[in-house]
C-alpha atoms as a PDB file:
ATOM      1  CA  MET A   1      74.990  -9.408-119.972  1.00  0.00           C
ATOM      2  CA  LYS A   2      77.973 -11.715-120.385  1.00  0.00           C
ATOM      3  CA  SER A   3      77.897 -15.157-118.761  1.00  0.00           C
ATOM      4  CA  LYS A   4      80.061 -15.864-115.757  1.00  0.00           C
ATOM      5  CA  SER A   5      83.291 -17.695-116.523  1.00  0.00           C
ATOM      6  CA  ALA A   6      83.881 -21.173-115.124  1.00  0.00           C
ATOM      7  CA  ARG A   7      85.938 -19.626-112.324  1.00  0.00           C
ATOM      8  CA  GLN A   8      83.239 -17.058-111.492  1.00  0.00           C
ATOM      9  CA  THR A   9      80.591 -19.804-111.523  1.00  0.00           C
ATOM     10  CA  ILE A  10      82.656 -21.882-109.086  1.00  0.00           C
ATOM     11  CA  GLN A  11      83.066 -18.895-106.747  1.00  0.00           C
ATOM     12  CA  TYR A  12      79.346 -18.113-107.032  1.00  0.00           C
ATOM     13  CA  LEU A  13      78.214 -21.646-106.217  1.00  0.00           C
ATOM     14  CA  LEU A  14      80.745 -22.171-103.429  1.00  0.00           C
ATOM     15  CA  ASP A  15      79.293 -19.188-101.546  1.00  0.00           C
ATOM     16  CA  HIS A  16      76.680 -20.821 -99.287  1.00  0.00           C
ATOM     17  CA  ASN A  17      74.164 -17.971 -99.564  1.00  0.00           C
ATOM     18  CA  GLN A  18      74.476 -17.803-103.346  1.00  0.00           C
ATOM     19  CA  GLU A  19      74.264 -21.597-103.635  1.00  0.00           C
ATOM     20  CA  GLY A  20      71.044 -21.653-101.610  1.00  0.00           C
ATOM     21  CA  HIS A  21      69.542 -18.861-103.706  1.00  0.00           C
ATOM     22  CA  PHE A  22      70.637 -20.610-106.925  1.00  0.00           C
ATOM     23  CA  ILE A  23      69.085 -23.946-105.851  1.00  0.00           C
ATOM     24  CA  TYR A  24      65.834 -22.323-104.691  1.00  0.00           C
ATOM     25  CA  GLU A  25      65.411 -20.308-107.905  1.00  0.00           C
ATOM     26  CA  LEU A  26      66.425 -23.306-110.028  1.00  0.00           C
ATOM     27  CA  GLN A  27      63.862 -25.565-108.376  1.00  0.00           C
ATOM     28  CA  GLU A  28      61.097 -22.982-108.794  1.00  0.00           C
ATOM     29  CA  TYR A  29      62.032 -22.593-112.468  1.00  0.00           C
ATOM     30  CA  LEU A  30      62.133 -26.370-113.030  1.00  0.00           C
ATOM     31  CA  LYS A  31      58.834 -27.039-111.255  1.00  0.00           C
ATOM     32  CA  LYS A  32      57.079 -24.739-113.723  1.00  0.00           C
ATOM     33  CA  ARG A  33      58.527 -26.616-116.701  1.00  0.00           C
ATOM     34  CA  ALA A  34      59.013 -30.264-115.731  1.00  0.00           C
ATOM     35  CA  CYS A  35      56.468 -32.997-116.289  1.00  0.00           C
ATOM     36  CA  HIS A  36      54.527 -33.650-113.154  1.00  0.00           C
ATOM     37  CA  PHE A  37      51.558 -35.591-111.872  1.00  0.00           C
ATOM     38  CA  GLU A  38      49.617 -35.794-108.661  1.00  0.00           C
ATOM     39  CA  ASP A  39      49.153 -39.136-106.917  1.00  0.00           C
ATOM     40  CA  ASP A  40      45.977 -40.254-105.113  1.00  0.00           C
ATOM     41  CA  ASP A  41      47.211 -38.618-101.899  1.00  0.00           C
ATOM     42  CA  GLY A  42      47.730 -35.239-103.574  1.00  0.00           C
ATOM     43  CA  ASN A  43      51.541 -35.448-103.629  1.00  0.00           C
ATOM     44  CA  VAL A  44      53.173 -33.923-106.705  1.00  0.00           C
ATOM     45  CA  HIS A  45      55.857 -35.983-108.462  1.00  0.00           C
ATOM     46  CA  TYR A  46      58.203 -34.631-111.125  1.00  0.00           C
ATOM     47  CA  GLY A  47      59.724 -36.538-114.014  1.00  0.00           C
ATOM     48  CA  CYS A  48      61.956 -36.087-117.029  1.00  0.00           C
ATOM     49  CA  ASP A  49      60.424 -38.198-119.755  1.00  0.00           C
ATOM     50  CA  CYS A  50      57.873 -35.820-121.247  1.00  0.00           C
ATOM     51  CA  ASP A  51      58.898 -35.838-124.894  1.00  0.00           C
ATOM     52  CA  PRO A  52      60.253 -39.151-126.224  1.00  0.00           C
ATOM     53  CA  GLU A  53      61.418 -37.414-129.426  1.00  0.00           C
ATOM     54  CA  GLU A  54      64.091 -35.355-127.635  1.00  0.00           C
ATOM     55  CA  ASP A  55      67.749 -36.344-127.361  1.00  0.00           C
ATOM     56  CA  ILE A  56      68.188 -38.151-124.023  1.00  0.00           C
ATOM     57  CA  VAL A  57      71.026 -35.987-122.667  1.00  0.00           C
ATOM     58  CA  LEU A  58      69.400 -32.716-123.659  1.00  0.00           C
ATOM     59  CA  LYS A  59      66.022 -33.899-122.420  1.00  0.00           C
ATOM     60  CA  ARG A  60      67.394 -34.670-119.005  1.00  0.00           C
ATOM     61  CA  LYS A  61      69.051 -31.263-118.591  1.00  0.00           C
ATOM     62  CA  LYS A  62      67.365 -28.883-121.010  1.00  0.00           C
ATOM     63  CA  HIS A  63      65.585 -26.760-118.417  1.00  0.00           C
ATOM     64  CA  PHE A  64      68.697 -26.669-116.206  1.00  0.00           C
ATOM     65  CA  ILE A  65      70.750 -25.466-119.182  1.00  0.00           C
ATOM     66  CA  ASN A  66      68.133 -22.845-120.057  1.00  0.00           C
ATOM     67  CA  PHE A  67      68.010 -21.612-116.447  1.00  0.00           C
ATOM     68  CA  CYS A  68      71.796 -21.292-116.221  1.00  0.00           C
ATOM     69  CA  ASN A  69      71.914 -19.417-119.519  1.00  0.00           C
ATOM     70  CA  ARG A  70      69.090 -17.136-118.356  1.00  0.00           C
ATOM     71  CA  ILE A  71      70.960 -16.117-115.201  1.00  0.00           C
ATOM     72  CA  HIS A  72      74.352 -16.038-116.969  1.00  0.00           C
ATOM     73  CA  VAL A  73      75.973 -18.958-115.141  1.00  0.00           C
ATOM     74  CA  ASP A  74      78.287 -21.354-116.972  1.00  0.00           C
ATOM     75  CA  TRP A  75      75.993 -24.388-117.124  1.00  0.00           C
ATOM     76  CA  MET A  76      78.748 -26.964-117.669  1.00  0.00           C
ATOM     77  CA  THR A  77      80.584 -25.788-114.548  1.00  0.00           C
ATOM     78  CA  ALA A  78      77.370 -25.675-112.505  1.00  0.00           C
ATOM     79  CA  ASP A  79      76.495 -29.148-113.792  1.00  0.00           C
ATOM     80  CA  SER A  80      79.917 -30.480-112.753  1.00  0.00           C
ATOM     81  CA  ILE A  81      79.624 -28.993-109.257  1.00  0.00           C
ATOM     82  CA  LEU A  82      76.108 -30.338-108.681  1.00  0.00           C
ATOM     83  CA  SER A  83      77.018 -33.754-110.136  1.00  0.00           C
ATOM     84  CA  LEU A  84      79.906 -33.981-107.670  1.00  0.00           C
ATOM     85  CA  LYS A  85      77.717 -32.935-104.741  1.00  0.00           C
ATOM     86  CA  MET A  86      75.073 -35.476-105.720  1.00  0.00           C
ATOM     87  CA  SER A  87      77.637 -38.159-106.709  1.00  0.00           C
ATOM     88  CA  ARG A  88      75.960 -38.901-110.043  1.00  0.00           C
ATOM     89  CA  PHE A  89      74.792 -37.645-113.415  1.00  0.00           C
ATOM     90  CA  ILE A  90      71.993 -35.170-112.792  1.00  0.00           C
ATOM     91  CA  SER A  91      68.774 -34.433-114.621  1.00  0.00           C
ATOM     92  CA  ASP A  92      66.101 -31.770-114.279  1.00  0.00           C
ATOM     93  CA  CYS A  93      63.967 -34.057-112.121  1.00  0.00           C
ATOM     94  CA  ASP A  94      66.949 -34.949-109.876  1.00  0.00           C
ATOM     95  CA  LEU A  95      67.400 -31.248-109.189  1.00  0.00           C
ATOM     96  CA  ILE A  96      63.796 -30.995-108.042  1.00  0.00           C
ATOM     97  CA  ASN A  97      63.390 -34.320-106.249  1.00  0.00           C
ATOM     98  CA  ASN A  98      66.812 -34.887-104.701  1.00  0.00           C
ATOM     99  CA  ILE A  99      67.840 -31.540-103.215  1.00  0.00           C
ATOM    100  CA  GLU A 100      66.158 -30.020-100.193  1.00  0.00           C
ATOM    101  CA  ILE A 101      66.630 -26.686 -98.482  1.00  0.00           C
ATOM    102  CA  ASP A 102      65.453 -26.524 -94.875  1.00  0.00           C
ATOM    103  CA  GLU A 103      63.995 -23.533 -93.049  1.00  0.00           C
ATOM    104  CA  LYS A 104      67.496 -22.456 -91.959  1.00  0.00           C
ATOM    105  CA  GLY A 105      68.784 -22.469 -95.526  1.00  0.00           C
ATOM    106  CA  ARG A 106      70.822 -25.674 -95.198  1.00  0.00           C
ATOM    107  CA  ILE A 107      71.059 -27.641 -98.410  1.00  0.00           C
ATOM    108  CA  TYR A 108      70.725 -31.434 -98.447  1.00  0.00           C
ATOM    109  CA  TYR A 109      71.800 -33.384-101.505  1.00  0.00           C
ATOM    110  CA  LYS A 110      70.295 -36.881-101.651  1.00  0.00           C
END
């Protein structure tokens, strides 16, 4: 299957239902692959610095890039949209730790 163009990716992610589905699936995908640890209270924390040998930019987004490629979304466009919504450079752990979806499907970018 061919990847969505930048324009198609923008349309896809600007649709609220699609955006919510994308974020939910992305977070599930990232949680299975990101470094994580459990604190003394049983809370799980996710991080990005698992492999110090990796290039810093690729390390911070490698699972996001892989996810976008897997679902045929233009990762650079998706990255730009999410970076704008979060007002900063994003990493895999930002996408897990700093976006919440409530029970009504509303998305909160921290």
